[in-house]
Amino acid sequence: MISEFQDLSDKIEQLAALVGSLRHENAQLRQTNLLLNEVNTALLERLVEAQRRIEAVIEQLPLPAGLDTEEGAETLDAEPRTAAPLDSEATR
C-alpha cells in the first residue's frame, strides 16, 4: 500500500515538473511570437514605403514615344500605370 502511495507521489511530482516546464516554454513562445509580429510589421511598413517610392519614380518617367499626344495620353490613362497598393491585412 505504501509503495502505491509512493508511486502516485512520484507521478504527481513528474506531472508538476512537466506543467512547470510547459509553462516556461509557453512564456518563451509568447515572447518569440511578439518579437516576430513586430518584425513582420516593420517589414510590411518597409514594403509599403518601397512601393510608394517605386510609384513616385514611375510617375516621373517620361511617356513612351508615340504617347505624348492627347490620344496617346488618353490611352495611357485608360490603363493603370502602377500596381494596386499592398493590402497589409491580406499579407498577414
C-alpha atoms as a PDB file:
ATOM      1  CA  MET A   1       0.000   0.000   0.000  1.00  0.00           C
ATOM      2  CA  ILE A   2       2.815   2.406   0.862  1.00  0.00           C
ATOM      3  CA  SER A   3       4.562   1.667  -2.427  1.00  0.00           C
ATOM      4  CA  GLU A   4       1.353   2.591  -4.295  1.00  0.00           C
ATOM      5  CA  PHE A   5       1.298   5.943  -2.496  1.00  0.00           C
ATOM      6  CA  GLN A   6       4.963   6.438  -3.319  1.00  0.00           C
ATOM      7  CA  ASP A   7       4.312   5.649  -6.993  1.00  0.00           C
ATOM      8  CA  LEU A   8       1.390   8.093  -7.029  1.00  0.00           C
ATOM      9  CA  SER A   9       3.522  10.731  -5.310  1.00  0.00           C
ATOM     10  CA  ASP A  10       6.278  10.251  -7.892  1.00  0.00           C
ATOM     11  CA  LYS A  11       3.811  10.612 -10.760  1.00  0.00           C
ATOM     12  CA  ILE A  12       2.381  13.781  -9.221  1.00  0.00           C
ATOM     13  CA  GLU A  13       5.909  15.222  -8.934  1.00  0.00           C
ATOM     14  CA  GLN A  14       6.602  14.328 -12.578  1.00  0.00           C
ATOM     15  CA  LEU A  15       3.340  15.950 -13.631  1.00  0.00           C
ATOM     16  CA  ALA A  16       4.116  19.107 -11.646  1.00  0.00           C
ATOM     17  CA  ALA A  17       7.576  19.288 -13.250  1.00  0.00           C
ATOM     18  CA  LEU A  18       6.049  18.825 -16.699  1.00  0.00           C
ATOM     19  CA  VAL A  19       3.467  21.570 -16.062  1.00  0.00           C
ATOM     20  CA  GLY A  20       6.221  23.926 -14.928  1.00  0.00           C
ATOM     21  CA  SER A  21       8.302  23.115 -17.989  1.00  0.00           C
ATOM     22  CA  LEU A  22       5.344  23.654 -20.315  1.00  0.00           C
ATOM     23  CA  ARG A  23       4.502  26.985 -18.668  1.00  0.00           C
ATOM     24  CA  HIS A  24       8.079  28.148 -19.153  1.00  0.00           C
ATOM     25  CA  GLU A  25       8.083  27.016 -22.792  1.00  0.00           C
ATOM     26  CA  ASN A  26       4.723  28.727 -23.372  1.00  0.00           C
ATOM     27  CA  ALA A  27       6.069  32.002 -21.967  1.00  0.00           C
ATOM     28  CA  GLN A  28       9.096  31.779 -24.265  1.00  0.00           C
ATOM     29  CA  LEU A  29       6.883  31.051 -27.269  1.00  0.00           C
ATOM     30  CA  ARG A  30       4.694  34.057 -26.461  1.00  0.00           C
ATOM     31  CA  GLN A  31       7.774  36.309 -26.313  1.00  0.00           C
ATOM     32  CA  THR A  32       9.047  34.910 -29.604  1.00  0.00           C
ATOM     33  CA  ASN A  33       5.631  35.420 -31.176  1.00  0.00           C
ATOM     34  CA  LEU A  34       5.539  39.053 -30.066  1.00  0.00           C
ATOM     35  CA  LEU A  35       9.002  39.668 -31.450  1.00  0.00           C
ATOM     36  CA  LEU A  36       8.170  38.033 -34.774  1.00  0.00           C
ATOM     37  CA  ASN A  37       4.967  40.082 -35.049  1.00  0.00           C
ATOM     38  CA  GLU A  38       6.987  43.261 -34.510  1.00  0.00           C
ATOM     39  CA  VAL A  39       9.490  42.214 -37.171  1.00  0.00           C
ATOM     40  CA  ASN A  40       6.659  41.348 -39.552  1.00  0.00           C
ATOM     41  CA  THR A  41       5.016  44.742 -39.009  1.00  0.00           C
ATOM     42  CA  ALA A  42       8.318  46.529 -39.635  1.00  0.00           C
ATOM     43  CA  LEU A  43       8.871  44.571 -42.837  1.00  0.00           C
ATOM     44  CA  LEU A  44       5.363  45.365 -44.055  1.00  0.00           C
ATOM     45  CA  GLU A  45       5.985  49.054 -43.405  1.00  0.00           C
ATOM     46  CA  ARG A  46       9.214  48.843 -45.409  1.00  0.00           C
ATOM     47  CA  LEU A  47       7.354  47.146 -48.263  1.00  0.00           C
ATOM     48  CA  VAL A  48       4.707  49.870 -48.340  1.00  0.00           C
ATOM     49  CA  GLU A  49       7.390  52.579 -48.308  1.00  0.00           C
ATOM     50  CA  ALA A  50       9.279  50.848 -51.118  1.00  0.00           C
ATOM     51  CA  GLN A  51       6.064  50.617 -53.125  1.00  0.00           C
ATOM     52  CA  ARG A  52       5.419  54.341 -52.618  1.00  0.00           C
ATOM     53  CA  ARG A  53       8.932  55.186 -53.783  1.00  0.00           C
ATOM     54  CA  ILE A  54       8.648  52.969 -56.853  1.00  0.00           C
ATOM     55  CA  GLU A  55       5.292  54.524 -57.740  1.00  0.00           C
ATOM     56  CA  ALA A  56       6.816  58.002 -57.376  1.00  0.00           C
ATOM     57  CA  VAL A  57       9.657  57.050 -59.717  1.00  0.00           C
ATOM     58  CA  ILE A  58       7.207  55.574 -62.221  1.00  0.00           C
ATOM     59  CA  GLU A  59       5.199  58.801 -62.173  1.00  0.00           C
ATOM     60  CA  GLN A  60       8.354  60.747 -63.046  1.00  0.00           C
ATOM     61  CA  LEU A  61       9.239  58.542 -66.013  1.00  0.00           C
ATOM     62  CA  PRO A  62       8.673  60.145 -69.424  1.00  0.00           C
ATOM     63  CA  LEU A  63       5.848  58.812 -71.561  1.00  0.00           C
ATOM     64  CA  PRO A  64       6.915  56.276 -74.192  1.00  0.00           C
ATOM     65  CA  ALA A  65       7.387  57.609 -77.726  1.00  0.00           C
ATOM     66  CA  GLY A  66       4.087  57.999 -79.547  1.00  0.00           C
ATOM     67  CA  LEU A  67       2.123  58.504 -76.345  1.00  0.00           C
ATOM     68  CA  ASP A  68       2.947  62.176 -75.930  1.00  0.00           C
ATOM     69  CA  THR A  69      -0.155  63.237 -77.902  1.00  0.00           C
ATOM     70  CA  GLU A  70      -3.556  63.682 -76.305  1.00  0.00           C
ATOM     71  CA  GLU A  71      -4.799  60.469 -77.899  1.00  0.00           C
ATOM     72  CA  GLY A  72      -1.820  58.557 -76.521  1.00  0.00           C
ATOM     73  CA  ALA A  73      -2.275  60.115 -73.080  1.00  0.00           C
ATOM     74  CA  GLU A  74      -5.930  59.080 -73.066  1.00  0.00           C
ATOM     75  CA  THR A  75      -4.896  55.531 -73.904  1.00  0.00           C
ATOM     76  CA  LEU A  76      -2.350  55.604 -71.115  1.00  0.00           C
ATOM     77  CA  ASP A  77      -4.917  56.935 -68.632  1.00  0.00           C
ATOM     78  CA  ALA A  78      -7.228  54.069 -69.551  1.00  0.00           C
ATOM     79  CA  GLU A  79      -4.526  51.627 -68.438  1.00  0.00           C
ATOM     80  CA  PRO A  80      -3.242  51.814 -64.867  1.00  0.00           C
ATOM     81  CA  ARG A  81       0.455  52.755 -64.669  1.00  0.00           C
ATOM     82  CA  THR A  82       1.017  51.303 -61.217  1.00  0.00           C
ATOM     83  CA  ALA A  83       0.117  48.162 -59.375  1.00  0.00           C
ATOM     84  CA  ALA A  84      -2.572  48.158 -56.737  1.00  0.00           C
ATOM     85  CA  PRO A  85      -1.339  49.109 -53.266  1.00  0.00           C
ATOM     86  CA  LEU A  86      -0.360  46.352 -50.908  1.00  0.00           C
ATOM     87  CA  ASP A  87      -3.118  45.232 -48.621  1.00  0.00           C
ATOM     88  CA  SER A  88      -1.259  44.795 -45.353  1.00  0.00           C
ATOM     89  CA  GLU A  89      -4.136  42.909 -43.757  1.00  0.00           C
ATOM     90  CA  ALA A  90      -4.197  40.359 -46.576  1.00  0.00           C
ATOM     91  CA  THR A  91      -0.478  39.686 -46.204  1.00  0.00           C
ATOM     92  CA  ARG A  92      -0.770  38.878 -42.528  1.00  0.00           C
END
